[in-house]
Protein backbone atom coordinates (compact mmCIF):
# COMPACT_ATOMS: atom_id res chain seq x y z
CA MET A 1 262.32 87.13 139.24
CA THR A 2 259.41 90.27 138.30
CA PRO A 3 256.20 88.55 138.38
CA VAL A 4 255.27 88.82 134.56
CA PHE A 5 258.23 86.81 133.92
CA ILE A 6 256.83 85.10 136.57
CA GLN A 7 254.02 84.23 134.84
CA GLY A 8 255.54 83.46 131.50
CA ALA A 9 257.31 80.87 132.64
CA TRP A 10 254.51 79.16 133.85
CA THR A 11 252.85 79.57 130.27
CA ILE A 12 255.40 77.90 128.90
CA VAL A 13 255.63 75.12 131.65
CA GLY A 14 251.60 74.80 130.95
CA GLN A 15 251.68 74.37 126.85
CA ILE A 16 255.09 72.25 127.24
CA ALA A 17 252.87 69.48 129.69
CA HIS A 18 249.41 70.02 127.39
CA SER A 19 251.76 69.20 124.22
CA VAL A 20 253.01 66.11 126.38
CA LEU A 21 249.84 65.27 127.36
CA HIS A 22 248.22 65.45 124.07
CA ARG A 23 250.65 63.41 122.07
CA VAL A 24 250.71 60.62 125.47
CA LYS A 25 247.02 60.66 124.59
CA SER A 26 247.51 60.62 120.75
CA LYS A 27 249.80 57.71 121.09
CA HIS A 28 247.39 55.87 123.25
CA MET A 29 244.61 56.29 120.80
CA THR A 30 246.59 54.38 117.92
CA SER A 31 244.98 51.57 116.05
CA VAL A 32 241.47 52.53 116.99
CA HIS A 33 239.70 52.71 114.13
CA SER A 34 239.57 49.92 112.84
CA CYS A 35 238.78 46.82 114.29
CA ARG A 36 242.32 44.40 115.76
CA LEU A 37 240.54 41.68 114.72
CA CYS A 38 239.00 41.91 111.33
CA GLY A 39 239.76 46.08 110.37
CA GLY A 40 236.74 46.50 110.21
CA PRO A 41 235.13 50.21 111.14
CA LEU A 42 234.34 51.33 114.61
CA SER A 43 232.26 53.46 116.54
CA LYS A 44 232.66 54.08 120.59
CA VAL A 45 229.79 53.10 122.53
CA PHE A 46 231.26 53.94 126.16
CA ASN A 47 234.44 54.57 128.21
CA THR A 48 234.64 52.81 131.64
CA ARG A 49 237.55 52.76 134.08
CA LEU A 50 240.45 50.25 134.05
CA LEU A 51 242.51 49.58 137.10
CA ASN A 52 240.66 52.23 138.63
CA LYS A 53 242.64 54.96 137.55
CA HIS A 54 242.44 54.59 133.84
CA ASP A 55 239.66 56.08 131.44
CA VAL A 56 239.43 53.64 128.37
CA ALA A 57 237.17 53.63 124.90
CA PHE A 58 235.69 50.70 124.12
CA PHE A 59 234.66 50.43 120.22
CA LYS A 60 231.81 48.23 118.46
CA CYS A 61 233.26 46.85 115.33
CA ASP A 62 230.98 47.34 112.77
CA SER A 63 231.50 44.29 110.84
CA CYS A 64 232.33 41.71 113.25
CA ASP A 65 230.16 42.97 116.05
CA SER A 66 233.21 42.62 118.65
CA LEU A 67 233.88 44.33 121.44
CA GLN A 68 237.27 46.46 122.18
CA SER A 69 239.06 48.63 124.43
CA GLU A 70 241.43 51.54 122.93
CA GLU A 71 244.51 50.65 122.39
CA PRO A 72 245.77 48.89 125.45
CA TYR A 73 248.82 50.59 126.80
CA TRP A 74 247.97 49.77 130.87
CA LEU A 75 248.83 45.99 130.43
CA ASP A 76 252.32 45.99 132.28
CA ALA A 77 250.42 47.51 135.26
CA ALA A 78 247.66 45.02 134.58
CA TYR A 79 250.04 41.94 134.81
CA ALA A 80 252.58 42.83 137.22
CA VAL A 81 250.27 40.31 139.49
CA SER A 82 249.59 37.37 136.84
CA LEU A 83 246.60 35.72 138.22
CA SER A 84 244.30 38.54 140.09
CA ARG A 85 243.22 38.41 142.91
CA LEU A 86 239.70 38.67 142.13
CA ASP A 87 239.87 35.89 140.42
CA THR A 88 238.42 33.74 143.10
CA GLY A 89 236.78 31.01 140.36
CA ALA A 90 240.29 29.64 138.59
CA GLY A 91 240.10 26.83 140.70
CA GLN A 92 236.39 25.87 139.95
CA ARG A 93 236.83 26.46 136.58
CA ASN A 94 240.23 24.40 136.19
CA MET A 95 238.07 21.63 136.81
CA ILE A 96 235.68 22.40 134.77
CA SER A 97 237.64 22.77 132.15
CA LEU A 98 239.36 19.40 132.89
CA ALA A 99 236.24 17.60 132.05
CA GLY A 100 235.25 19.12 128.79
CA ALA A 101 239.32 18.98 127.37
CA LEU A 102 239.48 15.16 128.69
CA SER A 103 236.24 14.63 126.64
CA VAL A 104 236.81 16.34 123.68
CA ALA A 105 240.04 14.63 123.52
CA LYS A 106 238.57 10.77 123.65
CA LEU A 107 236.01 11.75 121.57
CA PHE A 108 238.43 13.30 118.63
CA GLY A 109 241.07 10.69 119.63
CA ALA A 110 244.18 14.22 120.48
CA ARG A 111 246.64 12.60 122.79
CA ASP A 112 249.68 15.91 121.81
CA LEU A 113 247.86 18.85 123.18
CA ILE A 114 249.19 22.45 123.88
CA ASP A 115 247.26 24.40 126.88
CA MET A 116 247.88 28.03 125.40
CA GLY A 117 247.86 30.97 127.82
CA GLY A 118 247.89 28.07 130.80
CA GLY A 119 248.63 30.43 133.83
CA ASP A 120 250.00 28.53 136.72
CA GLY A 121 249.87 25.58 134.66
CA LEU A 122 247.52 23.77 136.77
CA LEU A 123 245.18 22.51 133.68
CA CYS A 124 248.21 20.80 132.12
CA ARG A 125 249.44 19.21 134.94
CA LEU A 126 245.92 17.70 135.44
CA LEU A 127 245.47 16.60 131.84
CA ARG A 128 248.84 14.68 131.89
CA ASP A 129 247.84 13.12 135.15
CA TYR A 130 244.90 11.97 133.05
CA GLY A 131 247.19 10.50 130.30
CA LEU A 132 247.66 13.49 127.79
CA ASN A 133 250.74 14.83 126.26
CA CYS A 134 250.06 18.19 127.51
CA TYR A 135 251.98 21.00 127.35
CA VAL A 136 251.22 24.50 128.42
CA THR A 137 252.43 28.12 127.35
CA ASP A 138 252.11 31.64 128.79
CA LYS A 139 253.45 34.66 128.26
CA PHE A 140 252.14 36.13 131.61
CA ALA A 141 253.50 33.29 134.09
CA ALA A 142 255.46 30.82 135.11
CA PRO A 143 254.27 27.14 135.13
CA THR A 144 254.43 26.35 138.52
CA TYR A 145 252.79 23.24 138.70
CA ALA A 146 253.51 22.58 135.21
CA GLN A 147 257.28 22.63 135.28
CA GLY A 148 259.73 20.58 132.68
CA PHE A 149 256.55 20.59 129.97
CA THR A 150 256.84 24.18 128.60
CA GLU A 151 258.88 22.53 125.35
CA PRO A 152 256.45 19.78 123.20
CA ASP A 153 257.82 16.85 122.04
CA PHE A 154 255.69 16.83 119.38
CA ALA A 155 255.77 18.73 116.16
CA LYS A 156 252.49 19.62 115.66
CA PRO A 157 249.95 19.64 118.22
CA GLU A 158 246.80 17.19 117.86
CA MET A 159 244.53 19.49 119.90
CA ILE A 160 244.26 23.46 121.74
CA VAL A 161 243.17 24.41 124.71
CA ALA A 162 242.69 27.96 124.87
CA PHE A 163 240.63 28.52 127.74
CA GLU A 164 239.70 31.92 129.08
CA VAL A 165 242.41 33.36 127.10
CA ILE A 166 241.67 34.93 124.20
CA GLU A 167 239.98 38.19 126.13
CA HIS A 168 242.90 39.10 126.90
CA PHE A 169 245.02 39.58 123.27
CA ALA A 170 246.04 42.87 122.64
CA GLN A 171 246.11 42.08 118.79
CA PRO A 172 243.93 39.50 117.90
CA ALA A 173 244.37 39.54 114.29
CA SER A 174 248.09 37.49 114.92
CA GLU A 175 247.64 35.63 118.52
CA LEU A 176 244.96 33.83 116.61
CA ALA A 177 246.55 33.45 113.39
CA ALA A 178 249.53 31.45 116.03
CA ILE A 179 247.26 29.66 117.30
CA PHE A 180 245.02 28.60 114.24
CA GLY A 181 248.28 27.62 112.38
CA ALA A 182 249.56 25.19 114.40
CA GLY A 183 247.67 23.02 112.62
CA ALA A 184 245.63 20.95 115.31
CA ALA A 185 242.49 18.97 114.25
CA VAL A 186 240.23 20.38 117.17
CA ILE A 187 240.67 23.67 119.14
CA MET A 188 238.84 24.49 122.14
CA LEU A 189 238.52 27.66 124.00
CA THR A 190 235.51 29.26 126.20
CA THR A 191 235.53 33.32 126.18
CA GLU A 192 231.81 35.06 127.49
CA ILE A 193 230.69 35.97 124.14
CA TYR A 194 229.80 40.02 123.44
CA GLU A 195 225.83 41.02 122.93
CA GLY A 196 225.70 43.99 123.02
CA GLN A 197 226.19 44.38 126.46
CA ASN A 198 227.53 48.04 128.14
CA GLU A 199 230.17 49.12 130.82
CA ASP A 200 227.65 47.24 133.65
CA TRP A 201 228.76 43.94 132.28
CA TRP A 202 230.49 41.79 134.37
CA TYR A 203 232.98 40.12 131.85
CA LEU A 204 234.94 43.23 131.80
CA ALA A 205 236.48 42.61 134.93
CA PRO A 206 237.90 46.65 134.88
CA GLU A 207 239.76 46.48 138.16
CA THR A 208 242.39 43.88 136.23
CA GLY A 209 242.04 45.81 133.34
CA GLN A 210 243.30 42.33 131.35
CA HIS A 211 239.82 41.90 129.15
CA ILE A 212 240.10 44.21 126.29
CA PHE A 213 238.67 41.99 123.52
CA PHE A 214 235.32 40.36 123.44
CA TYR A 215 234.18 38.34 120.77
CA SER A 216 230.44 38.07 119.55
CA ALA A 217 229.26 34.65 117.75
CA LYS A 218 229.86 36.05 114.85
CA ALA A 219 233.34 36.77 114.80
CA LEU A 220 233.94 33.01 116.74
CA GLN A 221 232.05 31.97 113.06
CA LEU A 222 234.58 34.44 111.12
CA ILE A 223 237.70 33.10 112.77
CA GLY A 224 236.53 29.59 111.90
CA GLU A 225 236.07 30.42 108.13
CA ARG A 226 239.12 32.09 107.97
CA TYR A 227 241.51 29.29 108.94
CA GLY A 228 238.85 26.49 107.57
CA TYR A 229 237.33 25.31 110.96
CA HIS A 230 233.84 23.90 111.72
CA PHE A 231 232.69 25.85 114.66
CA ALA A 232 230.06 25.40 117.45
CA ARG A 233 229.33 26.80 120.38
CA ILE A 234 228.17 23.82 122.72
CA GLY A 235 227.51 25.15 126.68
CA ARG A 236 230.31 27.27 128.02
CA PHE A 237 232.53 25.92 125.39
CA THR A 238 233.47 27.39 122.05
CA LEU A 239 234.68 23.71 119.63
CA PHE A 240 236.65 24.40 115.68
CA THR A 241 237.18 20.91 114.72
CA ARG A 242 238.86 20.42 110.51
CA ASP A 243 236.52 17.14 110.59
CA LYS A 244 233.11 18.06 110.66
CA ALA A 245 232.37 14.88 111.94
CA LYS A 246 228.75 15.18 112.97
CA LEU A 247 228.36 12.75 115.15
CA ARG A 248 231.13 13.33 117.21
CA CYS A 249 230.15 16.73 117.78
CA ILE A 250 226.54 15.50 118.80
CA ALA A 251 227.99 13.30 121.47
CA ALA A 252 229.90 16.72 122.25
CA SER A 253 226.91 18.78 122.97
CA LEU A 254 226.06 15.79 125.07
CA MET A 255 228.99 15.56 127.52
CA LEU A 256 229.92 19.67 127.33
CA ARG A 257 226.72 20.62 128.96
CA GLY A 258 224.54 20.65 132.15
CA TYR A 259 224.42 17.06 134.09
CA GLY A 260 226.53 15.17 130.76
CA LEU A 261 229.23 17.94 132.44
CA ALA A 262 228.72 17.52 135.95
CA TRP A 263 228.74 13.62 135.32
CA VAL A 264 232.53 13.80 133.31
CA ARG A 265 233.25 15.94 136.20
CA ALA A 266 232.07 13.38 138.51
CA LEU A 267 233.66 10.61 136.52
CA VAL A 268 236.62 12.37 136.70
CA GLN A 269 237.57 11.87 140.07
CA LEU A 270 237.47 8.28 140.22
CA MET A 271 239.47 8.15 136.84
CA PRO A 272 243.32 6.30 138.36
CA ALA A 273 245.99 9.04 137.04
CA PRO A 274 248.60 7.64 135.86
CA GLY A 275 250.39 10.68 134.99
CA VAL A 276 251.53 11.11 137.86
CA ALA A 277 253.97 8.34 138.93
CA ARG A 278 255.46 8.47 135.01
CA ASP A 279 255.94 12.31 134.65
CA MET A 280 257.87 11.79 138.41
CA GLY A 281 260.40 9.49 136.09
CA LEU A 282 260.63 11.21 133.90
CA GLN A 283 261.52 14.25 135.58
CA LYS A 284 263.79 11.82 137.30
CA SER A 285 265.58 10.59 134.46
CA LYS A 286 266.57 14.51 133.23
């Protein structure tokens, strides 16, 4: 085999490899020319490394001011384990979410709840312990703590909670439509607000590769308006309500901030948990 033939063969191999890599990159870079939430134009702001291997571009929407990754092609690897080993705040977050969700459910008279993106079901289990008829959904995780409570026994939820969920949405327009289209009177979220942070922002969580869309306050306001909800940002919580309910919103603002939330957390620990025995009986009867 002559050196000229070998050199020619390597040239062809190199051209094929370059073509394949170009096609893969083009596939991954689709749908980054318009915002996946509002359809507005995008401007690239930085690149960062996700999962310690993917060099990913991030874009800011010129219309809704949100930040988003390029089309997320790495999610299968990112969700190989549903709960990141770096999520050491999961336990405390569930306790805070419990206090917040119980407070709002009581204020707005909601009993039938869905915990969307509820992970292992711990929050769902706690909400049921304290008397709420909560069910959990999560396409990436098994409901370890809420087995048997994934199929709601009601046609329409009165309240939906989605804590640390919407930043995971690859297609936020359609995924938010599913949440807001359920017809709940109250929708309660948590997510960190994007305010122009750069690639050093801790909430990007690049080691996990799971956070891919970051909402501005303007974007959350627009979401509420799109679906006919009143929007309020109260402490770490985002609240959407069908009824403006000014007095109840004032009460929520007192209960969901600082010392108010701390007092509610403490009070919850003193409350009876009738749902434990009730659900035990329910599970045995199935």
